[in-house]
PDB file of all heavy atoms in Angstrom:
ATOM      1  N   ALA A   1     -61.285-129.991 -72.703  1.00  0.00           N
ATOM      2  CA  ALA A   1     -60.940-128.780 -71.792  1.00  0.00           C
ATOM      3  C   ALA A   1     -59.893-127.945 -72.505  1.00  0.00           C
ATOM      4  O   ALA A   1     -58.881-128.345 -72.917  1.00  0.00           O
ATOM      5  CB  ALA A   1     -60.478-129.284 -70.432  1.00  0.00           C
ATOM      6  N   VAL A   2     -60.215-126.596 -72.729  1.00  0.00           N
ATOM      7  CA  VAL A   2     -59.300-125.691 -73.369  1.00  0.00           C
ATOM      8  C   VAL A   2     -58.015-125.516 -72.545  1.00  0.00           C
ATOM      9  O   VAL A   2     -58.058-125.408 -71.263  1.00  0.00           O
ATOM     10  CB  VAL A   2     -59.929-124.372 -73.525  1.00  0.00           C
ATOM     11  CG1 VAL A   2     -58.927-123.373 -74.203  1.00  0.00           C
ATOM     12  CG2 VAL A   2     -61.234-124.398 -74.281  1.00  0.00           C
ATOM     13  N   GLY A   3     -56.901-125.652 -73.245  1.00  0.00           N
ATOM     14  CA  GLY A   3     -55.639-125.461 -72.577  1.00  0.00           C
ATOM     15  C   GLY A   3     -55.193-126.742 -71.675  1.00  0.00           C
ATOM     16  O   GLY A   3     -54.181-126.632 -71.011  1.00  0.00           O
ATOM     17  N   GLY A   4     -55.875-127.810 -71.848  1.00  0.00           N
ATOM     18  CA  GLY A   4     -55.529-129.095 -71.075  1.00  0.00           C
ATOM     19  C   GLY A   4     -54.539-129.964 -71.640  1.00  0.00           C
ATOM     20  O   GLY A   4     -54.224-130.990 -71.064  1.00  0.00           O
ATOM     21  N   GLY A   5     -54.086-129.634 -72.861  1.00  0.00           N
ATOM     22  CA  GLY A   5     -53.107-130.441 -73.564  1.00  0.00           C
ATOM     23  C   GLY A   5     -53.631-131.734 -74.073  1.00  0.00           C
ATOM     24  O   GLY A   5     -52.939-132.662 -74.462  1.00  0.00           O
ATOM     25  N   ARG A   6     -54.988-131.885 -74.202  1.00  0.00           N
ATOM     26  CA  ARG A   6     -55.673-133.032 -74.697  1.00  0.00           C
ATOM     27  C   ARG A   6     -55.727-133.025 -76.237  1.00  0.00           C
ATOM     28  O   ARG A   6     -56.052-134.051 -76.886  1.00  0.00           O
ATOM     29  CB  ARG A   6     -57.085-133.123 -74.132  1.00  0.00           C
ATOM     30  CG  ARG A   6     -57.141-133.524 -72.700  1.00  0.00           C
ATOM     31  CD  ARG A   6     -56.589-134.851 -72.533  1.00  0.00           C
ATOM     32  NE  ARG A   6     -56.519-135.219 -71.062  1.00  0.00           N
ATOM     33  CZ  ARG A   6     -57.134-136.248 -70.564  1.00  0.00           C
ATOM     34  NH1 ARG A   6     -57.875-137.007 -71.330  1.00  0.00           N
ATOM     35  NH2 ARG A   6     -57.005-136.632 -69.290  1.00  0.00           N
ATOM     36  N   VAL A   7     -55.551-131.892 -76.818  1.00  0.00           N
ATOM     37  CA  VAL A   7     -55.651-131.674 -78.242  1.00  0.00           C
ATOM     38  C   VAL A   7     -54.370-131.081 -78.706  1.00  0.00           C
ATOM     39  O   VAL A   7     -53.423-130.675 -77.910  1.00  0.00           O
ATOM     40  CB  VAL A   7     -56.832-130.764 -78.585  1.00  0.00           C
ATOM     41  CG1 VAL A   7     -58.141-131.384 -78.275  1.00  0.00           C
ATOM     42  CG2 VAL A   7     -56.794-129.412 -77.877  1.00  0.00           C
ATOM     43  N   ILE A   8     -54.228-130.839 -80.049  1.00  0.00           N
ATOM     44  CA  ILE A   8     -52.938-130.286 -80.579  1.00  0.00           C
ATOM     45  C   ILE A   8     -52.830-128.781 -79.979  1.00  0.00           C
ATOM     46  O   ILE A   8     -53.850-128.170 -79.809  1.00  0.00           O
ATOM     47  CB  ILE A   8     -52.918-130.322 -82.072  1.00  0.00           C
ATOM     48  CG1 ILE A   8     -54.175-129.690 -82.786  1.00  0.00           C
ATOM     49  CG2 ILE A   8     -52.865-131.785 -82.607  1.00  0.00           C
ATOM     50  CD1 ILE A   8     -54.188-129.526 -84.248  1.00  0.00           C
ATOM     51  N   LYS A   9     -51.618-128.333 -79.928  1.00  0.00           N
ATOM     52  CA  LYS A   9     -51.362-127.007 -79.350  1.00  0.00           C
ATOM     53  C   LYS A   9     -52.133-125.960 -80.158  1.00  0.00           C
ATOM     54  O   LYS A   9     -52.619-124.970 -79.639  1.00  0.00           O
ATOM     55  CB  LYS A   9     -49.961-126.652 -79.381  1.00  0.00           C
ATOM     56  CG  LYS A   9     -49.142-127.426 -78.334  1.00  0.00           C
ATOM     57  CD  LYS A   9     -47.730-126.868 -78.199  1.00  0.00           C
ATOM     58  CE  LYS A   9     -46.880-127.488 -77.123  1.00  0.00           C
ATOM     59  NZ  LYS A   9     -46.442-128.829 -77.531  1.00  0.00           N
ATOM     60  N   GLY A  10     -52.254-126.131 -81.460  1.00  0.00           N
ATOM     61  CA  GLY A  10     -52.928-125.219 -82.329  1.00  0.00           C
ATOM     62  C   GLY A  10     -54.366-124.936 -81.931  1.00  0.00           C
ATOM     63  O   GLY A  10     -54.916-123.945 -82.065  1.00  0.00           O
ATOM     64  N   TRP A  11     -54.954-126.045 -81.463  1.00  0.00           N
ATOM     65  CA  TRP A  11     -56.396-125.971 -80.915  1.00  0.00           C
ATOM     66  C   TRP A  11     -56.435-125.340 -79.567  1.00  0.00           C
ATOM     67  O   TRP A  11     -57.220-124.491 -79.310  1.00  0.00           O
ATOM     68  CB  TRP A  11     -56.943-127.466 -80.820  1.00  0.00           C
ATOM     69  CG  TRP A  11     -57.648-127.704 -82.064  1.00  0.00           C
ATOM     70  CD1 TRP A  11     -57.260-127.618 -83.389  1.00  0.00           C
ATOM     71  CD2 TRP A  11     -58.948-128.406 -82.107  1.00  0.00           C
ATOM     72  NE1 TRP A  11     -58.171-128.044 -84.223  1.00  0.00           N
ATOM     73  CE2 TRP A  11     -59.261-128.563 -83.465  1.00  0.00           C
ATOM     74  CE3 TRP A  11     -59.873-128.847 -81.162  1.00  0.00           C
ATOM     75  CZ2 TRP A  11     -60.501-129.155 -83.828  1.00  0.00           C
ATOM     76  CZ3 TRP A  11     -60.969-129.400 -81.607  1.00  0.00           C
ATOM     77  CH2 TRP A  11     -61.331-129.571 -82.909  1.00  0.00           C
ATOM     78  N   ASP A  12     -55.603-125.799 -78.630  1.00  0.00           N
ATOM     79  CA  ASP A  12     -55.601-125.181 -77.270  1.00  0.00           C
ATOM     80  C   ASP A  12     -55.471-123.683 -77.483  1.00  0.00           C
ATOM     81  O   ASP A  12     -56.145-122.935 -76.674  1.00  0.00           O
ATOM     82  CB  ASP A  12     -54.490-125.764 -76.451  1.00  0.00           C
ATOM     83  CG  ASP A  12     -54.954-126.964 -75.581  1.00  0.00           C
ATOM     84  OD1 ASP A  12     -56.145-127.090 -75.417  1.00  0.00           O
ATOM     85  OD2 ASP A  12     -54.112-127.648 -75.098  1.00  0.00           O
ATOM     86  N   ARG A  13     -54.654-123.182 -78.358  1.00  0.00           N
ATOM     87  CA  ARG A  13     -54.419-121.689 -78.434  1.00  0.00           C
ATOM     88  C   ARG A  13     -55.413-121.117 -79.385  1.00  0.00           C
ATOM     89  O   ARG A  13     -55.922-119.928 -79.098  1.00  0.00           O
ATOM     90  CB  ARG A  13     -53.049-121.440 -79.078  1.00  0.00           C
ATOM     91  CG  ARG A  13     -52.002-121.841 -78.120  1.00  0.00           C
ATOM     92  CD  ARG A  13     -50.649-121.482 -78.744  1.00  0.00           C
ATOM     93  NE  ARG A  13     -49.536-122.112 -78.070  1.00  0.00           N
ATOM     94  CZ  ARG A  13     -48.293-122.071 -78.522  1.00  0.00           C
ATOM     95  NH1 ARG A  13     -47.946-121.342 -79.628  1.00  0.00           N
ATOM     96  NH2 ARG A  13     -47.374-122.654 -77.831  1.00  0.00           N
ATOM     97  N   GLY A  14     -55.784-121.834 -80.389  1.00  0.00           N
ATOM     98  CA  GLY A  14     -56.684-121.198 -81.416  1.00  0.00           C
ATOM     99  C   GLY A  14     -58.185-121.083 -81.142  1.00  0.00           C
ATOM    100  O   GLY A  14     -58.811-120.173 -81.680  1.00  0.00           O
ATOM    101  N   ILE A  15     -58.691-121.884 -80.142  1.00  0.00           N
ATOM    102  CA  ILE A  15     -59.950-121.835 -79.705  1.00  0.00           C
ATOM    103  C   ILE A  15     -60.158-120.834 -78.618  1.00  0.00           C
ATOM    104  O   ILE A  15     -61.286-120.307 -78.424  1.00  0.00           O
ATOM    105  CB  ILE A  15     -60.504-123.276 -79.395  1.00  0.00           C
ATOM    106  CG1 ILE A  15     -60.634-123.919 -80.734  1.00  0.00           C
ATOM    107  CG2 ILE A  15     -61.863-123.250 -78.626  1.00  0.00           C
ATOM    108  CD1 ILE A  15     -60.939-125.476 -80.617  1.00  0.00           C
ATOM    109  N   ARG A  16     -59.169-120.532 -77.857  1.00  0.00           N
ATOM    110  CA  ARG A  16     -59.169-119.608 -76.757  1.00  0.00           C
ATOM    111  C   ARG A  16     -59.815-118.280 -77.245  1.00  0.00           C
ATOM    112  O   ARG A  16     -59.400-117.772 -78.311  1.00  0.00           O
ATOM    113  CB  ARG A  16     -57.735-119.286 -76.348  1.00  0.00           C
ATOM    114  CG  ARG A  16     -57.591-119.289 -74.797  1.00  0.00           C
ATOM    115  CD  ARG A  16     -56.272-118.963 -74.428  1.00  0.00           C
ATOM    116  NE  ARG A  16     -55.335-120.043 -74.670  1.00  0.00           N
ATOM    117  CZ  ARG A  16     -54.016-119.993 -74.542  1.00  0.00           C
ATOM    118  NH1 ARG A  16     -53.405-118.805 -74.260  1.00  0.00           N
ATOM    119  NH2 ARG A  16     -53.281-121.076 -74.638  1.00  0.00           N
ATOM    120  N   GLY A  17     -60.646-117.717 -76.516  1.00  0.00           N
ATOM    121  CA  GLY A  17     -61.237-116.404 -76.860  1.00  0.00           C
ATOM    122  C   GLY A  17     -62.428-116.429 -77.754  1.00  0.00           C
ATOM    123  O   GLY A  17     -63.100-115.396 -77.983  1.00  0.00           O
ATOM    124  N   MET A  18     -62.758-117.605 -78.330  1.00  0.00           N
ATOM    125  CA  MET A  18     -63.946-117.732 -79.138  1.00  0.00           C
ATOM    126  C   MET A  18     -65.158-117.691 -78.206  1.00  0.00           C
ATOM    127  O   MET A  18     -65.063-118.032 -76.967  1.00  0.00           O
ATOM    128  CB  MET A  18     -63.994-119.166 -79.767  1.00  0.00           C
ATOM    129  CG  MET A  18     -63.364-119.249 -81.108  1.00  0.00           C
ATOM    130  SD  MET A  18     -63.688-120.913 -81.825  1.00  0.00           S
ATOM    131  CE  MET A  18     -65.217-120.640 -82.763  1.00  0.00           C
ATOM    132  N   LYS A  19     -66.241-117.280 -78.771  1.00  0.00           N
ATOM    133  CA  LYS A  19     -67.529-117.227 -78.017  1.00  0.00           C
ATOM    134  C   LYS A  19     -68.490-118.189 -78.688  1.00  0.00           C
ATOM    135  O   LYS A  19     -68.492-118.450 -79.861  1.00  0.00           O
ATOM    136  CB  LYS A  19     -68.089-115.841 -77.968  1.00  0.00           C
ATOM    137  CG  LYS A  19     -67.156-114.846 -77.146  1.00  0.00           C
ATOM    138  CD  LYS A  19     -67.835-113.617 -76.732  1.00  0.00           C
ATOM    139  CE  LYS A  19     -66.999-112.877 -75.717  1.00  0.00           C
ATOM    140  NZ  LYS A  19     -66.719-111.498 -76.131  1.00  0.00           N
ATOM    141  N   VAL A  20     -69.444-118.663 -77.752  1.00  0.00           N
ATOM    142  CA  VAL A  20     -70.413-119.622 -78.209  1.00  0.00           C
ATOM    143  C   VAL A  20     -71.215-119.030 -79.394  1.00  0.00           C
ATOM    144  O   VAL A  20     -71.539-117.906 -79.310  1.00  0.00           O
ATOM    145  CB  VAL A  20     -71.310-120.089 -77.070  1.00  0.00           C
ATOM    146  CG1 VAL A  20     -72.516-120.924 -77.612  1.00  0.00           C
ATOM    147  CG2 VAL A  20     -70.634-120.885 -76.087  1.00  0.00           C
ATOM    148  N   GLY A  21     -71.439-119.789 -80.406  1.00  0.00           N
ATOM    149  CA  GLY A  21     -72.076-119.391 -81.637  1.00  0.00           C
ATOM    150  C   GLY A  21     -71.118-118.880 -82.728  1.00  0.00           C
ATOM    151  O   GLY A  21     -71.424-118.595 -83.720  1.00  0.00           O
ATOM    152  N   GLY A  22     -69.889-118.920 -82.244  1.00  0.00           N
ATOM    153  CA  GLY A  22     -68.833-118.468 -83.287  1.00  0.00           C
ATOM    154  C   GLY A  22     -68.321-119.584 -84.131  1.00  0.00           C
ATOM    155  O   GLY A  22     -68.430-120.749 -83.745  1.00  0.00           O
ATOM    156  N   ARG A  23     -67.832-119.139 -85.263  1.00  0.00           N
ATOM    157  CA  ARG A  23     -67.169-120.140 -86.189  1.00  0.00           C
ATOM    158  C   ARG A  23     -65.778-119.457 -86.630  1.00  0.00           C
ATOM    159  O   ARG A  23     -65.852-118.347 -86.934  1.00  0.00           O
ATOM    160  CB  ARG A  23     -68.053-120.304 -87.503  1.00  0.00           C
ATOM    161  CG  ARG A  23     -67.326-121.071 -88.627  1.00  0.00           C
ATOM    162  CD  ARG A  23     -68.347-121.297 -89.732  1.00  0.00           C
ATOM    163  NE  ARG A  23     -69.172-122.558 -89.434  1.00  0.00           N
ATOM    164  CZ  ARG A  23     -70.003-123.048 -90.225  1.00  0.00           C
ATOM    165  NH1 ARG A  23     -70.303-122.487 -91.407  1.00  0.00           N
ATOM    166  NH2 ARG A  23     -70.798-124.026 -89.878  1.00  0.00           N
ATOM    167  N   ARG A  24     -64.819-120.313 -86.431  1.00  0.00           N
ATOM    168  CA  ARG A  24     -63.401-119.740 -86.620  1.00  0.00           C
ATOM    169  C   ARG A  24     -62.579-120.647 -87.542  1.00  0.00           C
ATOM    170  O   ARG A  24     -62.632-121.893 -87.323  1.00  0.00           O
ATOM    171  CB  ARG A  24     -62.752-119.508 -85.264  1.00  0.00           C
ATOM    172  CG  ARG A  24     -61.376-119.035 -85.283  1.00  0.00           C
ATOM    173  CD  ARG A  24     -60.820-118.815 -83.842  1.00  0.00           C
ATOM    174  NE  ARG A  24     -61.322-117.600 -83.289  1.00  0.00           N
ATOM    175  CZ  ARG A  24     -60.987-117.136 -82.067  1.00  0.00           C
ATOM    176  NH1 ARG A  24     -60.105-117.851 -81.363  1.00  0.00           N
ATOM    177  NH2 ARG A  24     -61.437-116.052 -81.602  1.00  0.00           N
ATOM    178  N   GLU A  25     -61.826-120.035 -88.350  1.00  0.00           N
ATOM    179  CA  GLU A  25     -60.850-120.651 -89.142  1.00  0.00           C
ATOM    180  C   GLU A  25     -59.552-120.698 -88.415  1.00  0.00           C
ATOM    181  O   GLU A  25     -59.129-119.584 -88.037  1.00  0.00           O
ATOM    182  CB  GLU A  25     -60.766-120.079 -90.459  1.00  0.00           C
ATOM    183  CG  GLU A  25     -59.641-120.721 -91.453  1.00  0.00           C
ATOM    184  CD  GLU A  25     -59.342-119.774 -92.563  1.00  0.00           C
ATOM    185  OE1 GLU A  25     -58.538-118.832 -92.496  1.00  0.00           O
ATOM    186  OE2 GLU A  25     -59.877-120.044 -93.739  1.00  0.00           O
ATOM    187  N   ILE A  26     -58.945-121.813 -88.150  1.00  0.00           N
ATOM    188  CA  ILE A  26     -57.618-122.019 -87.529  1.00  0.00           C
ATOM    189  C   ILE A  26     -56.680-122.669 -88.443  1.00  0.00           C
ATOM    190  O   ILE A  26     -56.881-123.885 -88.779  1.00  0.00           O
ATOM    191  CB  ILE A  26     -57.721-122.712 -86.222  1.00  0.00           C
ATOM    192  CG1 ILE A  26     -58.957-122.119 -85.338  1.00  0.00           C
ATOM    193  CG2 ILE A  26     -56.568-122.857 -85.461  1.00  0.00           C
ATOM    194  CD1 ILE A  26     -59.341-122.880 -84.138  1.00  0.00           C
ATOM    195  N   VAL A  27     -55.590-121.915 -88.794  1.00  0.00           N
ATOM    196  CA  VAL A  27     -54.514-122.536 -89.586  1.00  0.00           C
ATOM    197  C   VAL A  27     -53.422-122.918 -88.651  1.00  0.00           C
ATOM    198  O   VAL A  27     -52.811-122.075 -88.035  1.00  0.00           O
ATOM    199  CB  VAL A  27     -54.077-121.681 -90.824  1.00  0.00           C
ATOM    200  CG1 VAL A  27     -53.102-122.387 -91.668  1.00  0.00           C
ATOM    201  CG2 VAL A  27     -55.411-121.215 -91.603  1.00  0.00           C
ATOM    202  N   VAL A  28     -53.092-124.216 -88.637  1.00  0.00           N
ATOM    203  CA  VAL A  28     -52.095-124.750 -87.640  1.00  0.00           C
ATOM    204  C   VAL A  28     -50.825-125.248 -88.348  1.00  0.00           C
ATOM    205  O   VAL A  28     -50.948-126.161 -89.119  1.00  0.00           O
ATOM    206  CB  VAL A  28     -52.729-125.940 -86.863  1.00  0.00           C
ATOM    207  CG1 VAL A  28     -51.778-126.500 -85.840  1.00  0.00           C
ATOM    208  CG2 VAL A  28     -54.089-125.506 -86.180  1.00  0.00           C
ATOM    209  N   PRO A  29     -49.701-124.534 -88.033  1.00  0.00           N
ATOM    210  CA  PRO A  29     -48.384-125.018 -88.585  1.00  0.00           C
ATOM    211  C   PRO A  29     -48.052-126.411 -87.979  1.00  0.00           C
ATOM    212  O   PRO A  29     -48.503-126.748 -86.865  1.00  0.00           O
ATOM    213  CB  PRO A  29     -47.436-123.893 -88.214  1.00  0.00           C
ATOM    214  CG  PRO A  29     -47.997-123.278 -87.078  1.00  0.00           C
ATOM    215  CD  PRO A  29     -49.454-123.463 -87.067  1.00  0.00           C
ATOM    216  N   PRO A  30     -47.240-127.181 -88.700  1.00  0.00           N
ATOM    217  CA  PRO A  30     -46.934-128.495 -88.190  1.00  0.00           C
ATOM    218  C   PRO A  30     -46.410-128.489 -86.715  1.00  0.00           C
ATOM    219  O   PRO A  30     -46.824-129.505 -85.990  1.00  0.00           O
ATOM    220  CB  PRO A  30     -45.826-129.052 -89.109  1.00  0.00           C
ATOM    221  CG  PRO A  30     -45.702-128.122 -90.220  1.00  0.00           C
ATOM    222  CD  PRO A  30     -46.608-126.847 -89.914  1.00  0.00           C
ATOM    223  N   ARG A  31     -45.611-127.580 -86.218  1.00  0.00           N
ATOM    224  CA  ARG A  31     -45.126-127.704 -84.942  1.00  0.00           C
ATOM    225  C   ARG A  31     -46.175-127.496 -83.900  1.00  0.00           C
ATOM    226  O   ARG A  31     -46.004-127.871 -82.723  1.00  0.00           O
ATOM    227  CB  ARG A  31     -44.008-126.667 -84.709  1.00  0.00           C
ATOM    228  CG  ARG A  31     -44.359-125.241 -84.785  1.00  0.00           C
ATOM    229  CD  ARG A  31     -43.229-124.314 -84.779  1.00  0.00           C
ATOM    230  NE  ARG A  31     -43.687-122.914 -85.094  1.00  0.00           N
ATOM    231  CZ  ARG A  31     -44.258-122.150 -84.193  1.00  0.00           C
ATOM    232  NH1 ARG A  31     -44.461-122.498 -83.017  1.00  0.00           N
ATOM    233  NH2 ARG A  31     -44.760-120.961 -84.551  1.00  0.00           N
ATOM    234  N   LEU A  32     -47.310-126.941 -84.220  1.00  0.00           N
ATOM    235  CA  LEU A  32     -48.494-126.842 -83.264  1.00  0.00           C
ATOM    236  C   LEU A  32     -49.546-127.834 -83.641  1.00  0.00           C
ATOM    237  O   LEU A  32     -50.601-127.847 -83.037  1.00  0.00           O
ATOM    238  CB  LEU A  32     -49.032-125.418 -83.347  1.00  0.00           C
ATOM    239  CG  LEU A  32     -48.040-124.289 -82.969  1.00  0.00           C
ATOM    240  CD1 LEU A  32     -48.719-122.875 -83.064  1.00  0.00           C
ATOM    241  CD2 LEU A  32     -47.630-124.463 -81.500  1.00  0.00           C
ATOM    242  N   GLY A  33     -49.240-128.692 -84.646  1.00  0.00           N
ATOM    243  CA  GLY A  33     -50.184-129.647 -85.124  1.00  0.00           C
ATOM    244  C   GLY A  33     -49.564-131.102 -84.713  1.00  0.00           C
ATOM    245  O   GLY A  33     -49.238-131.303 -83.577  1.00  0.00           O
ATOM    246  N   TYR A  34     -49.460-131.894 -85.746  1.00  0.00           N
ATOM    247  CA  TYR A  34     -48.973-133.226 -85.471  1.00  0.00           C
ATOM    248  C   TYR A  34     -47.484-133.397 -85.855  1.00  0.00           C
ATOM    249  O   TYR A  34     -46.844-134.489 -85.659  1.00  0.00           O
ATOM    250  CB  TYR A  34     -49.750-134.266 -86.325  1.00  0.00           C
ATOM    251  CG  TYR A  34     -51.194-134.380 -85.830  1.00  0.00           C
ATOM    252  CD1 TYR A  34     -52.235-133.870 -86.600  1.00  0.00           C
ATOM    253  CD2 TYR A  34     -51.458-134.913 -84.609  1.00  0.00           C
ATOM    254  CE1 TYR A  34     -53.538-133.954 -86.154  1.00  0.00           C
ATOM    255  CE2 TYR A  34     -52.778-134.915 -84.102  1.00  0.00           C
ATOM    256  CZ  TYR A  34     -53.824-134.491 -84.948  1.00  0.00           C
ATOM    257  OH  TYR A  34     -55.082-134.556 -84.459  1.00  0.00           O
ATOM    258  N   GLY A  35     -46.790-132.300 -86.444  1.00  0.00           N
ATOM    259  CA  GLY A  35     -45.397-132.357 -86.804  1.00  0.00           C
ATOM    260  C   GLY A  35     -45.264-133.568 -87.640  1.00  0.00           C
ATOM    261  O   GLY A  35     -45.965-133.763 -88.677  1.00  0.00           O
ATOM    262  N   ASN A  36     -44.235-134.419 -87.393  1.00  0.00           N
ATOM    263  CA  ASN A  36     -43.957-135.572 -88.207  1.00  0.00           C
ATOM    264  C   ASN A  36     -44.601-136.886 -87.656  1.00  0.00           C
ATOM    265  O   ASN A  36     -44.513-137.844 -88.253  1.00  0.00           O
ATOM    266  CB  ASN A  36     -42.515-135.719 -88.475  1.00  0.00           C
ATOM    267  CG  ASN A  36     -41.918-134.712 -89.234  1.00  0.00           C
ATOM    268  OD1 ASN A  36     -42.499-134.223 -90.140  1.00  0.00           O
ATOM    269  ND2 ASN A  36     -40.754-134.213 -88.887  1.00  0.00           N
ATOM    270  N   GLN A  37     -45.336-136.666 -86.525  1.00  0.00           N
ATOM    271  CA  GLN A  37     -45.998-137.847 -85.925  1.00  0.00           C
ATOM    272  C   GLN A  37     -47.520-137.930 -86.288  1.00  0.00           C
ATOM    273  O   GLN A  37     -48.281-137.752 -85.495  1.00  0.00           O
ATOM    274  CB  GLN A  37     -45.884-137.688 -84.373  1.00  0.00           C
ATOM    275  CG  GLN A  37     -44.516-137.561 -83.800  1.00  0.00           C
ATOM    276  CD  GLN A  37     -43.598-138.688 -84.088  1.00  0.00           C
ATOM    277  OE1 GLN A  37     -43.933-139.849 -84.001  1.00  0.00           O
ATOM    278  NE2 GLN A  37     -42.472-138.487 -84.613  1.00  0.00           N
ATOM    279  N   SER A  38     -47.703-138.130 -87.507  1.00  0.00           N
ATOM    280  CA  SER A  38     -49.126-138.129 -87.962  1.00  0.00           C
ATOM    281  C   SER A  38     -49.959-139.236 -87.478  1.00  0.00           C
ATOM    282  O   SER A  38     -49.463-140.375 -87.446  1.00  0.00           O
ATOM    283  CB  SER A  38     -49.183-138.075 -89.482  1.00  0.00           C
ATOM    284  OG  SER A  38     -50.498-138.226 -89.944  1.00  0.00           O
ATOM    285  N   PRO A  39     -51.116-138.988 -86.939  1.00  0.00           N
ATOM    286  CA  PRO A  39     -51.906-140.097 -86.422  1.00  0.00           C
ATOM    287  C   PRO A  39     -52.626-140.869 -87.488  1.00  0.00           C
ATOM    288  O   PRO A  39     -53.207-141.880 -87.254  1.00  0.00           O
ATOM    289  CB  PRO A  39     -53.026-139.360 -85.601  1.00  0.00           C
ATOM    290  CG  PRO A  39     -53.165-138.008 -86.317  1.00  0.00           C
ATOM    291  CD  PRO A  39     -51.841-137.645 -86.862  1.00  0.00           C
ATOM    292  N   THR A  40     -52.603-140.443 -88.776  1.00  0.00           N
ATOM    293  CA  THR A  40     -53.347-140.996 -89.878  1.00  0.00           C
ATOM    294  C   THR A  40     -52.691-140.792 -91.252  1.00  0.00           C
ATOM    295  O   THR A  40     -52.095-139.728 -91.371  1.00  0.00           O
ATOM    296  CB  THR A  40     -54.803-140.407 -89.908  1.00  0.00           C
ATOM    297  OG1 THR A  40     -55.285-140.576 -91.231  1.00  0.00           O
ATOM    298  CG2 THR A  40     -54.781-138.951 -89.616  1.00  0.00           C
ATOM    299  N   PRO A  41     -52.748-141.800 -92.107  1.00  0.00           N
ATOM    300  CA  PRO A  41     -52.201-141.577 -93.436  1.00  0.00           C
ATOM    301  C   PRO A  41     -52.834-140.437 -94.209  1.00  0.00           C
ATOM    302  O   PRO A  41     -52.166-139.901 -95.193  1.00  0.00           O
ATOM    303  CB  PRO A  41     -52.462-142.877 -94.153  1.00  0.00           C
ATOM    304  CG  PRO A  41     -53.035-143.812 -93.123  1.00  0.00           C
ATOM    305  CD  PRO A  41     -53.401-143.146 -91.959  1.00  0.00           C
TER     306      PRO A  41
END
């Protein structure tokens, strides 16, 4: 769900406004991504 806080902030904001059939490049700085709490090596 968009804006539901289930994904990184960069996604909640970055996907907003897209329309079906669209392809978008989203560049997410660390503070809107995982910061220093990386989920994976």
